[in-house]
C-alpha atoms as a PDB file:
ATOM      1  CA  MET A   1      81.641  48.277  75.023  1.00  0.00           C
ATOM      2  CA  PRO A   2      84.751  49.554  73.264  1.00  0.00           C
ATOM      3  CA  LYS A   3      87.963  47.613  73.586  1.00  0.00           C
ATOM      4  CA  LEU A   4      90.960  49.600  74.894  1.00  0.00           C
ATOM      5  CA  ASP A   5      94.299  49.559  73.356  1.00  0.00           C
ATOM      6  CA  PRO A   6      97.010  48.190  75.730  1.00  0.00           C
ATOM      7  CA  GLU A   7      98.485  51.633  76.536  1.00  0.00           C
ATOM      8  CA  SER A   8      95.009  53.124  77.413  1.00  0.00           C
ATOM      9  CA  ASN A   9      94.131  50.045  79.476  1.00  0.00           C
ATOM     10  CA  GLU A  10      97.312  50.431  81.424  1.00  0.00           C
ATOM     11  CA  ALA A  11      96.503  54.113  81.928  1.00  0.00           C
ATOM     12  CA  ARG A  12      93.064  53.314  83.222  1.00  0.00           C
ATOM     13  CA  LYS A  13      94.391  50.692  85.555  1.00  0.00           C
ATOM     14  CA  LEU A  14      96.965  53.057  86.944  1.00  0.00           C
ATOM     15  CA  MET A  15      94.278  55.686  87.605  1.00  0.00           C
ATOM     16  CA  VAL A  16      91.912  53.201  89.224  1.00  0.00           C
ATOM     17  CA  LYS A  17      94.719  52.158  91.510  1.00  0.00           C
ATOM     18  CA  ASN A  18      95.822  55.755  92.452  1.00  0.00           C
ATOM     19  CA  ILE A  19      92.662  57.754  92.462  1.00  0.00           C
ATOM     20  CA  LYS A  20      89.996  56.886  95.068  1.00  0.00           C
ATOM     21  CA  GLY A  21      86.514  56.638  93.482  1.00  0.00           C
ATOM     22  CA  TYR A  22      87.893  56.470  89.859  1.00  0.00           C
ATOM     23  CA  ILE A  23      86.115  53.726  88.080  1.00  0.00           C
ATOM     24  CA  SER A  24      86.125  54.078  84.251  1.00  0.00           C
ATOM     25  CA  TYR A  25      84.280  55.748  81.319  1.00  0.00           C
ATOM     26  CA  GLU A  26      83.217  52.519  79.553  1.00  0.00           C
ATOM     27  CA  LYS A  27      79.881  52.341  81.352  1.00  0.00           C
ATOM     28  CA  GLN A  28      77.773  55.489  81.191  1.00  0.00           C
ATOM     29  CA  SER A  29      76.640  54.990  84.798  1.00  0.00           C
ATOM     30  CA  ASN A  30      80.272  55.307  85.981  1.00  0.00           C
ATOM     31  CA  ARG A  31      81.272  58.533  84.084  1.00  0.00           C
ATOM     32  CA  LYS A  32      80.110  61.178  86.473  1.00  0.00           C
ATOM     33  CA  TYR A  33      81.735  59.446  89.461  1.00  0.00           C
ATOM     34  CA  THR A  34      84.972  58.984  87.566  1.00  0.00           C
ATOM     35  CA  GLU A  35      84.918  62.680  86.458  1.00  0.00           C
ATOM     36  CA  ALA A  36      84.269  63.782  90.056  1.00  0.00           C
ATOM     37  CA  ALA A  37      86.993  61.573  91.457  1.00  0.00           C
ATOM     38  CA  LEU A  38      89.572  62.790  88.869  1.00  0.00           C
ATOM     39  CA  ILE A  39      88.698  66.351  89.541  1.00  0.00           C
ATOM     40  CA  LYS A  40      88.977  65.957  93.290  1.00  0.00           C
ATOM     41  CA  TYR A  41      92.245  64.183  93.014  1.00  0.00           C
ATOM     42  CA  LEU A  42      93.707  66.816  90.761  1.00  0.00           C
ATOM     43  CA  GLU A  43      92.492  69.611  92.996  1.00  0.00           C
ATOM     44  CA  THR A  44      94.136  67.929  96.022  1.00  0.00           C
ATOM     45  CA  ARG A  45      97.443  67.294  94.252  1.00  0.00           C
ATOM     46  CA  LEU A  46      97.602  70.900  92.893  1.00  0.00           C
ATOM     47  CA  SER A  47      96.636  72.231  96.345  1.00  0.00           C
ATOM     48  CA  THR A  48      99.522  70.278  97.915  1.00  0.00           C
ATOM     49  CA  CYS A  49     101.944  71.610  95.305  1.00  0.00           C
ATOM     50  CA  LEU A  50     100.605  75.226  95.807  1.00  0.00           C
ATOM     51  CA  ASP A  51     100.981  74.833  99.625  1.00  0.00           C
ATOM     52  CA  ASP A  52     104.467  73.780  99.089  1.00  0.00           C
ATOM     53  CA  ILE A  53     105.219  76.810  96.792  1.00  0.00           C
ATOM     54  CA  LYS A  54     103.650  79.095  99.429  1.00  0.00           C
ATOM     55  CA  LYS A  55     105.988  77.622 102.177  1.00  0.00           C
ATOM     56  CA  ILE A  56     108.959  78.315  99.897  1.00  0.00           C
ATOM     57  CA  GLN A  57     107.750  81.773  99.199  1.00  0.00           C
ATOM     58  CA  GLU A  58     107.385  82.530 102.821  1.00  0.00           C
ATOM     59  CA  ALA A  59     110.947  81.313 103.441  1.00  0.00           C
ATOM     60  CA  ALA A  60     112.168  83.399 100.625  1.00  0.00           C
ATOM     61  CA  LEU A  61     110.406  86.357 101.991  1.00  0.00           C
ATOM     62  CA  MET A  62     111.843  85.810 105.460  1.00  0.00           C
ATOM     63  CA  SER A  63     115.313  85.375 104.116  1.00  0.00           C
ATOM     64  CA  GLN A  64     115.059  88.518 101.933  1.00  0.00           C
ATOM     65  CA  MET A  65     115.781  86.599  98.708  1.00  0.00           C
ATOM     66  CA  ILE A  66     114.346  89.365  96.616  1.00  0.00           C
ATOM     67  CA  THR A  67     115.415  87.767  93.289  1.00  0.00           C
ATOM     68  CA  THR A  68     113.074  84.859  93.866  1.00  0.00           C
ATOM     69  CA  TRP A  69     109.908  86.853  94.750  1.00  0.00           C
ATOM     70  CA  SER A  70     108.682  87.340  91.252  1.00  0.00           C
ATOM     71  CA  ASP A  71     109.303  83.622  90.247  1.00  0.00           C
ATOM     72  CA  LEU A  72     107.406  82.461  93.267  1.00  0.00           C
ATOM     73  CA  ASP A  73     104.512  84.981  92.590  1.00  0.00           C
ATOM     74  CA  ARG A  74     104.290  83.548  89.041  1.00  0.00           C
ATOM     75  CA  LEU A  75     104.185  79.983  90.417  1.00  0.00           C
ATOM     76  CA  VAL A  76     101.507  80.801  92.968  1.00  0.00           C
ATOM     77  CA  SER A  77      99.428  82.518  90.333  1.00  0.00           C
ATOM     78  CA  SER A  78      99.837  79.723  87.865  1.00  0.00           C
ATOM     79  CA  PHE A  79      98.993  76.953  90.334  1.00  0.00           C
ATOM     80  CA  THR A  80      95.931  78.885  91.385  1.00  0.00           C
ATOM     81  CA  ASP A  81      94.840  79.469  87.754  1.00  0.00           C
ATOM     82  CA  ILE A  82      95.174  75.752  86.823  1.00  0.00           C
ATOM     83  CA  LYS A  83      93.331  74.553  89.910  1.00  0.00           C
ATOM     84  CA  PHE A  84      90.469  77.035  89.042  1.00  0.00           C
ATOM     85  CA  LEU A  85      90.491  75.860  85.431  1.00  0.00           C
ATOM     86  CA  ILE A  86      90.146  72.227  86.422  1.00  0.00           C
ATOM     87  CA  LYS A  87      87.515  72.933  89.090  1.00  0.00           C
ATOM     88  CA  ALA A  88      85.365  75.235  86.881  1.00  0.00           C
ATOM     89  CA  THR A  89      85.334  73.057  83.695  1.00  0.00           C
ATOM     90  CA  GLU A  90      81.958  72.797  82.168  1.00  0.00           C
ATOM     91  CA  TYR A  91      80.953  70.714  79.239  1.00  0.00           C
ATOM     92  CA  GLY A  92      77.992  72.553  77.835  1.00  0.00           C
ATOM     93  CA  ILE A  93      75.625  70.313  75.868  1.00  0.00           C
ATOM     94  CA  SER A  94      77.988  67.402  75.548  1.00  0.00           C
ATOM     95  CA  THR A  95      76.248  64.046  75.506  1.00  0.00           C
ATOM     96  CA  PHE A  96      79.280  62.211  76.966  1.00  0.00           C
ATOM     97  CA  PHE A  97      77.753  61.765  80.350  1.00  0.00           C
ATOM     98  CA  ASP A  98      74.424  60.398  79.187  1.00  0.00           C
ATOM     99  CA  SER A  99      75.295  58.485  76.033  1.00  0.00           C
ATOM    100  CA  ASN A 100      75.350  54.600  76.199  1.00  0.00           C
ATOM    101  CA  VAL A 101      77.732  54.486  73.193  1.00  0.00           C
ATOM    102  CA  ILE A 102      81.329  55.737  73.101  1.00  0.00           C
ATOM    103  CA  LYS A 103      83.819  55.495  70.291  1.00  0.00           C
ATOM    104  CA  GLU A 104      86.980  53.400  71.001  1.00  0.00           C
ATOM    105  CA  PHE A 105      89.128  56.198  69.740  1.00  0.00           C
ATOM    106  CA  ASP A 106      87.584  58.790  72.095  1.00  0.00           C
ATOM    107  CA  LEU A 107      87.962  56.478  75.135  1.00  0.00           C
ATOM    108  CA  ASN A 108      91.554  55.581  74.346  1.00  0.00           C
ATOM    109  CA  TYR A 109      92.445  59.259  73.857  1.00  0.00           C
ATOM    110  CA  LEU A 110      90.664  60.185  77.041  1.00  0.00           C
ATOM    111  CA  TYR A 111      92.657  57.836  79.192  1.00  0.00           C
ATOM    112  CA  THR A 112      95.913  58.781  77.537  1.00  0.00           C
ATOM    113  CA  LEU A 113      95.237  62.454  78.195  1.00  0.00           C
ATOM    114  CA  GLU A 114      94.505  61.816  81.851  1.00  0.00           C
ATOM    115  CA  LYS A 115      97.561  59.781  82.341  1.00  0.00           C
ATOM    116  CA  THR A 116      99.623  62.462  80.789  1.00  0.00           C
ATOM    117  CA  ILE A 117      98.198  64.899  83.303  1.00  0.00           C
ATOM    118  CA  LEU A 118      98.940  62.601  86.144  1.00  0.00           C
ATOM    119  CA  ASP A 119     102.499  61.961  84.994  1.00  0.00           C
ATOM    120  CA  ILE A 120     103.209  65.687  84.708  1.00  0.00           C
ATOM    121  CA  ILE A 121     101.822  66.495  88.121  1.00  0.00           C
ATOM    122  CA  GLY A 122     103.865  63.609  89.575  1.00  0.00           C
ATOM    123  CA  ARG A 123     107.019  65.290  88.224  1.00  0.00           C
ATOM    124  CA  LEU A 124     106.126  68.504  89.825  1.00  0.00           C
ATOM    125  CA  ASP A 125     106.792  67.171  93.381  1.00  0.00           C
ATOM    126  CA  ASP A 126     110.426  66.532  92.411  1.00  0.00           C
ATOM    127  CA  LYS A 127     110.888  69.977  90.857  1.00  0.00           C
ATOM    128  CA  ILE A 128     109.323  71.745  93.861  1.00  0.00           C
ATOM    129  CA  ASN A 129     111.571  69.886  96.195  1.00  0.00           C
ATOM    130  CA  ARG A 130     114.576  70.861  94.097  1.00  0.00           C
ATOM    131  CA  PHE A 131     113.310  74.492  94.137  1.00  0.00           C
ATOM    132  CA  ASP A 132     113.105  74.286  97.900  1.00  0.00           C
ATOM    133  CA  ASP A 133     116.549  72.947  98.091  1.00  0.00           C
ATOM    134  CA  SER A 134     117.949  75.683  95.922  1.00  0.00           C
ATOM    135  CA  ILE A 135     116.376  78.305  98.087  1.00  0.00           C
ATOM    136  CA  GLU A 136     117.668  76.631 101.319  1.00  0.00           C
ATOM    137  CA  SER A 137     121.152  76.344  99.979  1.00  0.00           C
ATOM    138  CA  GLY A 138     121.125  79.823  98.505  1.00  0.00           C
ATOM    139  CA  MET A 139     121.556  78.647  94.941  1.00  0.00           C
ATOM    140  CA  LEU A 140     119.275  81.314  93.543  1.00  0.00           C
ATOM    141  CA  SER A 141     120.407  80.919  89.924  1.00  0.00           C
ATOM    142  CA  ASP A 142     118.534  77.581  89.926  1.00  0.00           C
ATOM    143  CA  SER A 143     115.252  79.170  90.966  1.00  0.00           C
ATOM    144  CA  SER A 144     114.618  80.863  87.565  1.00  0.00           C
ATOM    145  CA  ARG A 145     115.352  77.650  85.732  1.00  0.00           C
ATOM    146  CA  LEU A 146     113.156  75.571  87.987  1.00  0.00           C
ATOM    147  CA  THR A 147     110.441  78.209  87.760  1.00  0.00           C
ATOM    148  CA  ASN A 148     110.418  77.934  84.061  1.00  0.00           C
ATOM    149  CA  GLU A 149     110.384  74.116  84.166  1.00  0.00           C
ATOM    150  CA  ILE A 150     107.438  74.143  86.583  1.00  0.00           C
ATOM    151  CA  LEU A 151     105.620  76.822  84.389  1.00  0.00           C
ATOM    152  CA  GLU A 152     106.192  74.682  81.261  1.00  0.00           C
ATOM    153  CA  ASP A 153     104.774  71.596  83.146  1.00  0.00           C
ATOM    154  CA  LEU A 154     101.726  73.629  84.292  1.00  0.00           C
ATOM    155  CA  SER A 155     101.301  74.786  80.695  1.00  0.00           C
ATOM    156  CA  ALA A 156     101.351  71.149  79.498  1.00  0.00           C
ATOM    157  CA  VAL A 157      98.728  70.196  82.152  1.00  0.00           C
ATOM    158  CA  ARG A 158      96.587  73.088  80.937  1.00  0.00           C
ATOM    159  CA  ASP A 159      96.907  72.020  77.266  1.00  0.00           C
ATOM    160  CA  ALA A 160      96.118  68.333  78.090  1.00  0.00           C
ATOM    161  CA  TRP A 161      93.204  69.404  80.293  1.00  0.00           C
ATOM    162  CA  GLU A 162      91.808  71.668  77.522  1.00  0.00           C
ATOM    163  CA  GLU A 163      92.254  68.828  74.941  1.00  0.00           C
ATOM    164  CA  ARG A 164      90.369  66.550  77.417  1.00  0.00           C
ATOM    165  CA  ARG A 165      87.660  69.156  77.910  1.00  0.00           C
ATOM    166  CA  LYS A 166      87.312  69.586  74.154  1.00  0.00           C
ATOM    167  CA  LEU A 167      87.073  65.835  73.575  1.00  0.00           C
ATOM    168  CA  ILE A 168      84.171  65.617  76.168  1.00  0.00           C
ATOM    169  CA  THR A 169      82.529  68.820  75.046  1.00  0.00           C
ATOM    170  CA  ASP A 170      82.559  67.728  71.300  1.00  0.00           C
ATOM    171  CA  PHE A 171      81.331  64.340  72.078  1.00  0.00           C
ATOM    172  CA  GLN A 172      78.114  63.649  70.288  1.00  0.00           C
ATOM    173  CA  LYS A 173      75.738  60.726  70.538  1.00  0.00           C
ATOM    174  CA  LEU A 174      74.741  61.241  66.854  1.00  0.00           C
ATOM    175  CA  GLY A 175      76.534  59.040  64.334  1.00  0.00           C
ATOM    176  CA  LEU A 176      78.145  56.801  66.960  1.00  0.00           C
ATOM    177  CA  VAL A 177      75.817  53.857  66.474  1.00  0.00           C
END
């Protein structure tokens, strides 16, 4: 079994603590369960964020805050897209889930990518709350800035998820022994 570097080990421990059903990828028998738990967690978190954005959107519509409508539409669309991307991820003919051997580098990188995704999603809550506060207080100039910050975070989640997907997709049993 590969030895994790300290940063990746801490990332794994954090995810085991925060994600119900998340075990690890070290043992082949745990990989599918861990993958399913991660996807379910991310879907739930992104759904919560999306619900919050939709509530803000409804409040902005009711208050006739026309200048925020396009920002909120972009956010709703982006959250929906990233949720779909995560849920619909396929790995083709990857041997990741059925191989008994995994490279130390791949495993360390996988945990690091997942922690990055969790960290970014964790920051979204604060940004969405600030967005809601700006709408409630009528500080509409903040809404465009916050929209861009949230969209940048979602783009970073997408990039990290795609890198993770590529790592798993490109995993090959051959040459690892």
